């Protein structure tokens, strides 16, 4: 009985403290995903600013054409945006 209890205690101790799991690879992957997300957010902000700039240019061109030619230039080309 005594040896059986010692054996059970030894198995319990080994099972609790015998295995070490190295999760550094998982944390490196998480950090890599965070860096990728930051890069995507930066790119998205820049793309949004460029789209807004193109929209402003297009609106000004449309406004110019409508005010100067009433939507139509002297050669008969219509401007629709």
PDB file of N, CA and C in Angstrom:
ATOM      1  N   UNK A   1       0.810  -1.184   0.000  1.00  0.00           N
ATOM      2  CA  UNK A   1       0.000   0.000   0.000  1.00  0.00           C
ATOM      3  C   UNK A   1       0.862   1.260   0.000  1.00  0.00           C
ATOM      4  N   UNK A   2       1.936   1.222   0.781  1.00  0.00           N
ATOM      5  CA  UNK A   2       2.818   2.366   0.870  1.00  0.00           C
ATOM      6  C   UNK A   2       3.507   2.618  -0.468  1.00  0.00           C
ATOM      7  N   UNK A   3       3.948   1.569  -1.104  1.00  0.00           N
ATOM      8  CA  UNK A   3       4.604   1.740  -2.405  1.00  0.00           C
ATOM      9  C   UNK A   3       3.614   2.216  -3.462  1.00  0.00           C
ATOM     10  N   UNK A   4       2.385   1.756  -3.345  1.00  0.00           N
ATOM     11  CA  UNK A   4       1.351   2.186  -4.295  1.00  0.00           C
ATOM     12  C   UNK A   4       1.092   3.690  -4.131  1.00  0.00           C
ATOM     13  N   UNK A   5       1.023   4.176  -2.914  1.00  0.00           N
ATOM     14  CA  UNK A   5       0.824   5.603  -2.670  1.00  0.00           C
ATOM     15  C   UNK A   5       2.016   6.421  -3.156  1.00  0.00           C
ATOM     16  N   UNK A   6       3.203   5.940  -2.907  1.00  0.00           N
ATOM     17  CA  UNK A   6       4.408   6.642  -3.385  1.00  0.00           C
ATOM     18  C   UNK A   6       4.448   6.675  -4.908  1.00  0.00           C
ATOM     19  N   UNK A   7       4.055   5.569  -5.523  1.00  0.00           N
ATOM     20  CA  UNK A   7       4.024   5.512  -6.981  1.00  0.00           C
ATOM     21  C   UNK A   7       2.996   6.492  -7.535  1.00  0.00           C
ATOM     22  N   UNK A   8       1.836   6.579  -6.932  1.00  0.00           N
ATOM     23  CA  UNK A   8       0.801   7.525  -7.368  1.00  0.00           C
ATOM     24  C   UNK A   8       1.255   8.972  -7.176  1.00  0.00           C
ATOM     25  N   UNK A   9       1.905   9.233  -6.070  1.00  0.00           N
ATOM     26  CA  UNK A   9       2.418  10.598  -5.821  1.00  0.00           C
ATOM     27  C   UNK A   9       3.502  10.937  -6.837  1.00  0.00           C
ATOM     28  N   UNK A  10       4.372   9.989  -7.129  1.00  0.00           N
ATOM     29  CA  UNK A  10       5.429  10.232  -8.105  1.00  0.00           C
ATOM     30  C   UNK A  10       4.848  10.487  -9.492  1.00  0.00           C
ATOM     31  N   UNK A  11       3.848   9.729  -9.879  1.00  0.00           N
ATOM     32  CA  UNK A  11       3.195   9.943 -11.182  1.00  0.00           C
ATOM     33  C   UNK A  11       2.514  11.305 -11.216  1.00  0.00           C
ATOM     34  N   UNK A  12       1.850  11.678 -10.136  1.00  0.00           N
ATOM     35  CA  UNK A  12       1.182  12.979 -10.081  1.00  0.00           C
ATOM     36  C   UNK A  12       2.181  14.122 -10.182  1.00  0.00           C
ATOM     37  N   UNK A  13       3.290  14.016  -9.462  1.00  0.00           N
ATOM     38  CA  UNK A  13       4.314  15.068  -9.502  1.00  0.00           C
ATOM     39  C   UNK A  13       4.925  15.158 -10.891  1.00  0.00           C
ATOM     40  N   UNK A  14       5.241  14.030 -11.488  1.00  0.00           N
ATOM     41  CA  UNK A  14       5.819  14.039 -12.832  1.00  0.00           C
ATOM     42  C   UNK A  14       4.849  14.561 -13.877  1.00  0.00           C
ATOM     43  N   UNK A  15       3.587  14.222 -13.731  1.00  0.00           N
ATOM     44  CA  UNK A  15       2.609  14.697 -14.712  1.00  0.00           C
ATOM     45  C   UNK A  15       2.359  16.201 -14.579  1.00  0.00           C
ATOM     46  N   UNK A  16       2.457  16.720 -13.374  1.00  0.00           N
ATOM     47  CA  UNK A  16       2.227  18.155 -13.183  1.00  0.00           C
ATOM     48  C   UNK A  16       3.441  19.003 -13.550  1.00  0.00           C
ATOM     49  N   UNK A  17       4.614  18.531 -13.206  1.00  0.00           N
ATOM     50  CA  UNK A  17       5.809  19.355 -13.391  1.00  0.00           C
ATOM     51  C   UNK A  17       6.782  18.797 -14.421  1.00  0.00           C
ATOM     52  N   UNK A  18       6.488  17.673 -14.980  1.00  0.00           N
ATOM     53  CA  UNK A  18       7.417  17.048 -15.910  1.00  0.00           C
ATOM     54  C   UNK A  18       7.358  17.636 -17.308  1.00  0.00           C
ATOM     55  N   UNK A  19       6.237  18.153 -17.703  1.00  0.00           N
ATOM     56  CA  UNK A  19       6.080  18.673 -19.061  1.00  0.00           C
ATOM     57  C   UNK A  19       6.158  20.195 -19.051  1.00  0.00           C
ATOM     58  N   UNK A  20       6.962  20.700 -19.907  1.00  0.00           N
ATOM     59  CA  UNK A  20       7.005  22.140 -20.106  1.00  0.00           C
ATOM     60  C   UNK A  20       6.663  22.400 -21.562  1.00  0.00           C
ATOM     61  N   UNK A  21       5.765  23.314 -21.768  1.00  0.00           N
ATOM     62  CA  UNK A  21       5.345  23.643 -23.123  1.00  0.00           C
ATOM     63  C   UNK A  21       5.951  24.969 -23.519  1.00  0.00           C
ATOM     64  N   UNK A  22       6.638  24.976 -24.629  1.00  0.00           N
ATOM     65  CA  UNK A  22       7.285  26.186 -25.116  1.00  0.00           C
ATOM     66  C   UNK A  22       6.343  26.861 -26.117  1.00  0.00           C
ATOM     67  N   UNK A  23       5.748  27.957 -25.694  1.00  0.00           N
ATOM     68  CA  UNK A  23       4.805  28.644 -26.569  1.00  0.00           C
ATOM     69  C   UNK A  23       5.397  29.910 -27.198  1.00  0.00           C
ATOM     70  N   UNK A  24       6.704  29.981 -27.282  1.00  0.00           N
ATOM     71  CA  UNK A  24       7.348  31.143 -27.902  1.00  0.00           C
ATOM     72  C   UNK A  24       6.973  31.279 -29.369  1.00  0.00           C
ATOM     73  N   UNK A  25       6.835  30.157 -30.059  1.00  0.00           N
ATOM     74  CA  UNK A  25       6.464  30.203 -31.476  1.00  0.00           C
ATOM     75  C   UNK A  25       5.072  30.805 -31.651  1.00  0.00           C
ATOM     76  N   UNK A  26       4.184  30.477 -30.731  1.00  0.00           N
ATOM     77  CA  UNK A  26       2.825  31.030 -30.812  1.00  0.00           C
ATOM     78  C   UNK A  26       2.845  32.530 -30.564  1.00  0.00           C
ATOM     79  N   UNK A  27       3.603  32.974 -29.564  1.00  0.00           N
ATOM     80  CA  UNK A  27       3.672  34.410 -29.287  1.00  0.00           C
ATOM     81  C   UNK A  27       4.366  35.167 -30.414  1.00  0.00           C
ATOM     82  N   UNK A  28       5.358  34.554 -31.048  1.00  0.00           N
ATOM     83  CA  UNK A  28       5.986  35.187 -32.212  1.00  0.00           C
ATOM     84  C   UNK A  28       4.989  35.351 -33.345  1.00  0.00           C
ATOM     85  N   UNK A  29       4.145  34.347 -33.538  1.00  0.00           N
ATOM     86  CA  UNK A  29       3.118  34.444 -34.582  1.00  0.00           C
ATOM     87  C   UNK A  29       2.110  35.541 -34.264  1.00  0.00           C
ATOM     88  N   UNK A  30       1.746  35.676 -32.985  1.00  0.00           N
ATOM     89  CA  UNK A  30       0.814  36.734 -32.587  1.00  0.00           C
ATOM     90  C   UNK A  30       1.441  38.099 -32.828  1.00  0.00           C
ATOM     91  N   UNK A  31       2.701  38.264 -32.468  1.00  0.00           N
ATOM     92  CA  UNK A  31       3.390  39.541 -32.688  1.00  0.00           C
ATOM     93  C   UNK A  31       3.488  39.854 -34.178  1.00  0.00           C
ATOM     94  N   UNK A  32       3.740  38.814 -34.986  1.00  0.00           N
ATOM     95  CA  UNK A  32       3.804  39.002 -36.427  1.00  0.00           C
ATOM     96  C   UNK A  32       2.455  39.467 -36.966  1.00  0.00           C
ATOM     97  N   UNK A  33       1.371  38.892 -36.458  1.00  0.00           N
ATOM     98  CA  UNK A  33       0.037  39.314 -36.891  1.00  0.00           C
ATOM     99  C   UNK A  33      -0.241  40.758 -36.471  1.00  0.00           C
ATOM    100  N   UNK A  34       0.215  41.145 -35.299  1.00  0.00           N
ATOM    101  CA  UNK A  34       0.035  42.526 -34.845  1.00  0.00           C
ATOM    102  C   UNK A  34       0.775  43.490 -35.762  1.00  0.00           C
ATOM    103  N   UNK A  35       1.994  43.140 -36.160  1.00  0.00           N
ATOM    104  CA  UNK A  35       2.760  43.990 -37.072  1.00  0.00           C
ATOM    105  C   UNK A  35       2.064  44.090 -38.425  1.00  0.00           C
ATOM    106  N   UNK A  36       1.551  42.974 -38.915  1.00  0.00           N
ATOM    107  CA  UNK A  36       0.840  42.993 -40.197  1.00  0.00           C
ATOM    108  C   UNK A  36      -0.408  43.864 -40.105  1.00  0.00           C
ATOM    109  N   UNK A  37      -1.117  43.798 -38.985  1.00  0.00           N
ATOM    110  CA  UNK A  37      -2.315  44.605 -38.801  1.00  0.00           C
ATOM    111  C   UNK A  37      -1.972  46.089 -38.775  1.00  0.00           C
ATOM    112  N   UNK A  38      -0.901  46.444 -38.110  1.00  0.00           N
ATOM    113  CA  UNK A  38      -0.468  47.849 -38.072  1.00  0.00           C
ATOM    114  C   UNK A  38      -0.120  48.327 -39.476  1.00  0.00           C
ATOM    115  N   UNK A  39       0.586  47.497 -40.240  1.00  0.00           N
ATOM    116  CA  UNK A  39       0.930  47.859 -41.614  1.00  0.00           C
ATOM    117  C   UNK A  39      -0.319  48.030 -42.473  1.00  0.00           C
ATOM    118  N   UNK A  40      -1.292  47.145 -42.311  1.00  0.00           N
ATOM    119  CA  UNK A  40      -2.532  47.263 -43.077  1.00  0.00           C
ATOM    120  C   UNK A  40      -3.327  48.506 -42.692  1.00  0.00           C
ATOM    121  N   UNK A  41      -3.344  48.835 -41.414  1.00  0.00           N
ATOM    122  CA  UNK A  41      -4.050  50.042 -40.982  1.00  0.00           C
ATOM    123  C   UNK A  41      -3.380  51.294 -41.540  1.00  0.00           C
ATOM    124  N   UNK A  42      -2.058  51.297 -41.580  1.00  0.00           N
ATOM    125  CA  UNK A  42      -1.328  52.429 -42.159  1.00  0.00           C
ATOM    126  C   UNK A  42      -1.632  52.555 -43.643  1.00  0.00           C
ATOM    127  N   UNK A  43      -1.605  51.431 -44.346  1.00  0.00           N
ATOM    128  CA  UNK A  43      -1.906  51.435 -45.775  1.00  0.00           C
ATOM    129  C   UNK A  43      -3.338  51.890 -46.031  1.00  0.00           C
ATOM    130  N   UNK A  44      -4.280  51.429 -45.205  1.00  0.00           N
ATOM    131  CA  UNK A  44      -5.680  51.795 -45.374  1.00  0.00           C
ATOM    132  C   UNK A  44      -5.877  53.294 -45.184  1.00  0.00           C
ATOM    133  N   UNK A  45      -5.189  53.869 -44.210  1.00  0.00           N
ATOM    134  CA  UNK A  45      -5.305  55.310 -43.966  1.00  0.00           C
ATOM    135  C   UNK A  45      -4.774  56.093 -45.162  1.00  0.00           C
ATOM    136  N   UNK A  46      -3.623  55.664 -45.682  1.00  0.00           N
ATOM    137  CA  UNK A  46      -3.041  56.348 -46.838  1.00  0.00           C
ATOM    138  C   UNK A  46      -3.936  56.193 -48.060  1.00  0.00           C
ATOM    139  N   UNK A  47      -4.479  55.009 -48.284  1.00  0.00           N
ATOM    140  CA  UNK A  47      -5.366  54.784 -49.427  1.00  0.00           C
ATOM    141  C   UNK A  47      -6.628  55.628 -49.304  1.00  0.00           C
ATOM    142  N   UNK A  48      -7.177  55.752 -48.102  1.00  0.00           N
ATOM    143  CA  UNK A  48      -8.372  56.572 -47.900  1.00  0.00           C
ATOM    144  C   UNK A  48      -8.095  58.041 -48.199  1.00  0.00           C
ATOM    145  N   UNK A  49      -6.934  58.520 -47.784  1.00  0.00           N
ATOM    146  CA  UNK A  49      -6.569  59.909 -48.063  1.00  0.00           C
ATOM    147  C   UNK A  49      -6.410  60.137 -49.564  1.00  0.00           C
ATOM    148  N   UNK A  50      -5.805  59.179 -50.257  1.00  0.00           N
ATOM    149  CA  UNK A  50      -5.625  59.316 -51.701  1.00  0.00           C
ATOM    150  C   UNK A  50      -6.957  59.251 -52.437  1.00  0.00           C
ATOM    151  N   UNK A  51      -7.867  58.403 -51.984  1.00  0.00           N
ATOM    152  CA  UNK A  51      -9.194  58.320 -52.593  1.00  0.00           C
ATOM    153  C   UNK A  51      -9.957  59.620 -52.378  1.00  0.00           C
ATOM    154  N   UNK A  52      -9.855  60.179 -51.184  1.00  0.00           N
ATOM    155  CA  UNK A  52     -10.514  61.457 -50.907  1.00  0.00           C
ATOM    156  C   UNK A  52      -9.940  62.563 -51.792  1.00  0.00           C
ATOM    157  N   UNK A  53      -8.638  62.542 -52.012  1.00  0.00           N
ATOM    158  CA  UNK A  53      -8.014  63.529 -52.883  1.00  0.00           C
ATOM    159  C   UNK A  53      -8.502  63.376 -54.319  1.00  0.00           C
ATOM    160  N   UNK A  54      -8.569  62.148 -54.814  1.00  0.00           N
ATOM    161  CA  UNK A  54      -9.081  61.917 -56.168  1.00  0.00           C
ATOM    162  C   UNK A  54     -10.548  62.340 -56.289  1.00  0.00           C
ATOM    163  N   UNK A  55     -11.321  62.089 -55.250  1.00  0.00           N
ATOM    164  CA  UNK A  55     -12.724  62.511 -55.261  1.00  0.00           C
ATOM    165  C   UNK A  55     -12.829  64.032 -55.328  1.00  0.00           C
ATOM    166  N   UNK A  56     -11.999  64.731 -54.568  1.00  0.00           N
ATOM    167  CA  UNK A  56     -12.021  66.195 -54.576  1.00  0.00           C
ATOM    168  C   UNK A  56     -11.615  66.737 -55.946  1.00  0.00           C
ATOM    169  N   UNK A  57     -10.598  66.126 -56.551  1.00  0.00           N
ATOM    170  CA  UNK A  57     -10.162  66.553 -57.886  1.00  0.00           C
ATOM    171  C   UNK A  57     -11.287  66.346 -58.889  1.00  0.00           C
ATOM    172  N   UNK A  58     -11.932  65.197 -58.828  1.00  0.00           N
ATOM    173  CA  UNK A  58     -13.018  64.889 -59.755  1.00  0.00           C
ATOM    174  C   UNK A  58     -14.184  65.851 -59.568  1.00  0.00           C
ATOM    175  N   UNK A  59     -14.539  66.141 -58.330  1.00  0.00           N
ATOM    176  CA  UNK A  59     -15.640  67.071 -58.067  1.00  0.00           C
ATOM    177  C   UNK A  59     -15.317  68.474 -58.565  1.00  0.00           C
ATOM    178  N   UNK A  60     -14.079  68.897 -58.381  1.00  0.00           N
ATOM    179  CA  UNK A  60     -13.694  70.242 -58.864  1.00  0.00           C
ATOM    180  C   UNK A  60     -13.709  70.296 -60.381  1.00  0.00           C
ATOM    181  N   UNK A  61     -13.244  69.228 -61.027  1.00  0.00           N
ATOM    182  CA  UNK A  61     -13.271  69.183 -62.486  1.00  0.00           C
ATOM    183  C   UNK A  61     -14.708  69.190 -62.988  1.00  0.00           C
ATOM    184  N   UNK A  62     -15.561  68.424 -62.358  1.00  0.00           N
ATOM    185  CA  UNK A  62     -16.966  68.397 -62.734  1.00  0.00           C
ATOM    186  C   UNK A  62     -17.596  69.768 -62.526  1.00  0.00           C
ATOM    187  N   UNK A  63     -17.314  70.397 -61.393  1.00  0.00           N
ATOM    188  CA  UNK A  63     -17.861  71.718 -61.105  1.00  0.00           C
ATOM    189  C   UNK A  63     -17.373  72.739 -62.133  1.00  0.00           C
ATOM    190  N   UNK A  64     -16.101  72.668 -62.483  1.00  0.00           N
ATOM    191  CA  UNK A  64     -15.548  73.581 -63.481  1.00  0.00           C
ATOM    192  C   UNK A  64     -16.239  73.401 -64.828  1.00  0.00           C
ATOM    193  N   UNK A  65     -16.378  72.171 -65.242  1.00  0.00           N
ATOM    194  CA  UNK A  65     -16.992  71.908 -66.549  1.00  0.00           C
ATOM    195  C   UNK A  65     -18.457  72.326 -66.561  1.00  0.00           C
ATOM    196  N   UNK A  66     -19.173  72.072 -65.469  1.00  0.00           N
ATOM    197  CA  UNK A  66     -20.581  72.464 -65.418  1.00  0.00           C
ATOM    198  C   UNK A  66     -20.727  73.987 -65.412  1.00  0.00           C
ATOM    199  N   UNK A  67     -19.862  74.680 -64.689  1.00  0.00           N
ATOM    200  CA  UNK A  67     -19.995  76.129 -64.607  1.00  0.00           C
ATOM    201  C   UNK A  67     -19.543  76.810 -65.894  1.00  0.00           C
ATOM    202  N   UNK A  68     -18.545  76.265 -66.531  1.00  0.00           N
ATOM    203  CA  UNK A  68     -18.017  76.922 -67.726  1.00  0.00           C
ATOM    204  C   UNK A  68     -18.800  76.567 -68.974  1.00  0.00           C
ATOM    205  N   UNK A  69     -19.175  75.332 -69.111  1.00  0.00           N
ATOM    206  CA  UNK A  69     -19.818  74.901 -70.343  1.00  0.00           C
ATOM    207  C   UNK A  69     -21.234  74.392 -70.142  1.00  0.00           C
ATOM    208  N   UNK A  70     -21.720  74.441 -68.940  1.00  0.00           N
ATOM    209  CA  UNK A  70     -23.071  73.951 -68.687  1.00  0.00           C
ATOM    210  C   UNK A  70     -23.179  72.449 -68.886  1.00  0.00           C
ATOM    211  N   UNK A  71     -22.111  71.750 -68.671  1.00  0.00           N
ATOM    212  CA  UNK A  71     -22.115  70.307 -68.858  1.00  0.00           C
ATOM    213  C   UNK A  71     -21.684  69.895 -70.246  1.00  0.00           C
ATOM    214  N   UNK A  72     -21.422  70.877 -71.107  1.00  0.00           N
ATOM    215  CA  UNK A  72     -21.069  70.556 -72.481  1.00  0.00           C
ATOM    216  C   UNK A  72     -19.977  71.524 -72.942  1.00  0.00           C
ATOM    217  N   UNK A  73     -18.955  71.013 -73.576  1.00  0.00           N
ATOM    218  CA  UNK A  73     -17.910  71.908 -74.050  1.00  0.00           C
ATOM    219  C   UNK A  73     -18.206  72.329 -75.491  1.00  0.00           C
ATOM    220  N   UNK A  74     -17.467  73.264 -76.007  1.00  0.00           N
ATOM    221  CA  UNK A  74     -17.757  73.772 -77.357  1.00  0.00           C
ATOM    222  C   UNK A  74     -17.698  72.700 -78.448  1.00  0.00           C
ATOM    223  N   UNK A  75     -16.988  71.632 -78.249  1.00  0.00           N
ATOM    224  CA  UNK A  75     -16.891  70.595 -79.276  1.00  0.00           C
ATOM    225  C   UNK A  75     -18.000  69.559 -79.162  1.00  0.00           C
ATOM    226  N   UNK A  76     -18.894  69.731 -78.225  1.00  0.00           N
ATOM    227  CA  UNK A  76     -20.032  68.841 -78.101  1.00  0.00           C
ATOM    228  C   UNK A  76     -19.781  67.632 -77.216  1.00  0.00           C
ATOM    229  N   UNK A  77     -18.687  67.631 -76.450  1.00  0.00           N
ATOM    230  CA  UNK A  77     -18.400  66.516 -75.573  1.00  0.00           C
ATOM    231  C   UNK A  77     -19.061  66.789 -74.231  1.00  0.00           C
ATOM    232  N   UNK A  78     -19.812  65.818 -73.758  1.00  0.00           N
ATOM    233  CA  UNK A  78     -20.493  65.967 -72.480  1.00  0.00           C
ATOM    234  C   UNK A  78     -19.608  65.460 -71.351  1.00  0.00           C
ATOM    235  N   UNK A  79     -19.676  66.136 -70.224  1.00  0.00           N
ATOM    236  CA  UNK A  79     -18.914  65.751 -69.041  1.00  0.00           C
ATOM    237  C   UNK A  79     -19.859  65.205 -67.995  1.00  0.00           C
ATOM    238  N   UNK A  80     -19.780  63.950 -67.741  1.00  0.00           N
ATOM    239  CA  UNK A  80     -20.576  63.335 -66.683  1.00  0.00           C
ATOM    240  C   UNK A  80     -19.650  62.552 -65.766  1.00  0.00           C
ATOM    241  N   UNK A  81     -19.750  62.818 -64.487  1.00  0.00           N
ATOM    242  CA  UNK A  81     -18.932  62.133 -63.515  1.00  0.00           C
ATOM    243  C   UNK A  81     -19.808  61.445 -62.514  1.00  0.00           C
TER     244      UNK A  81
END
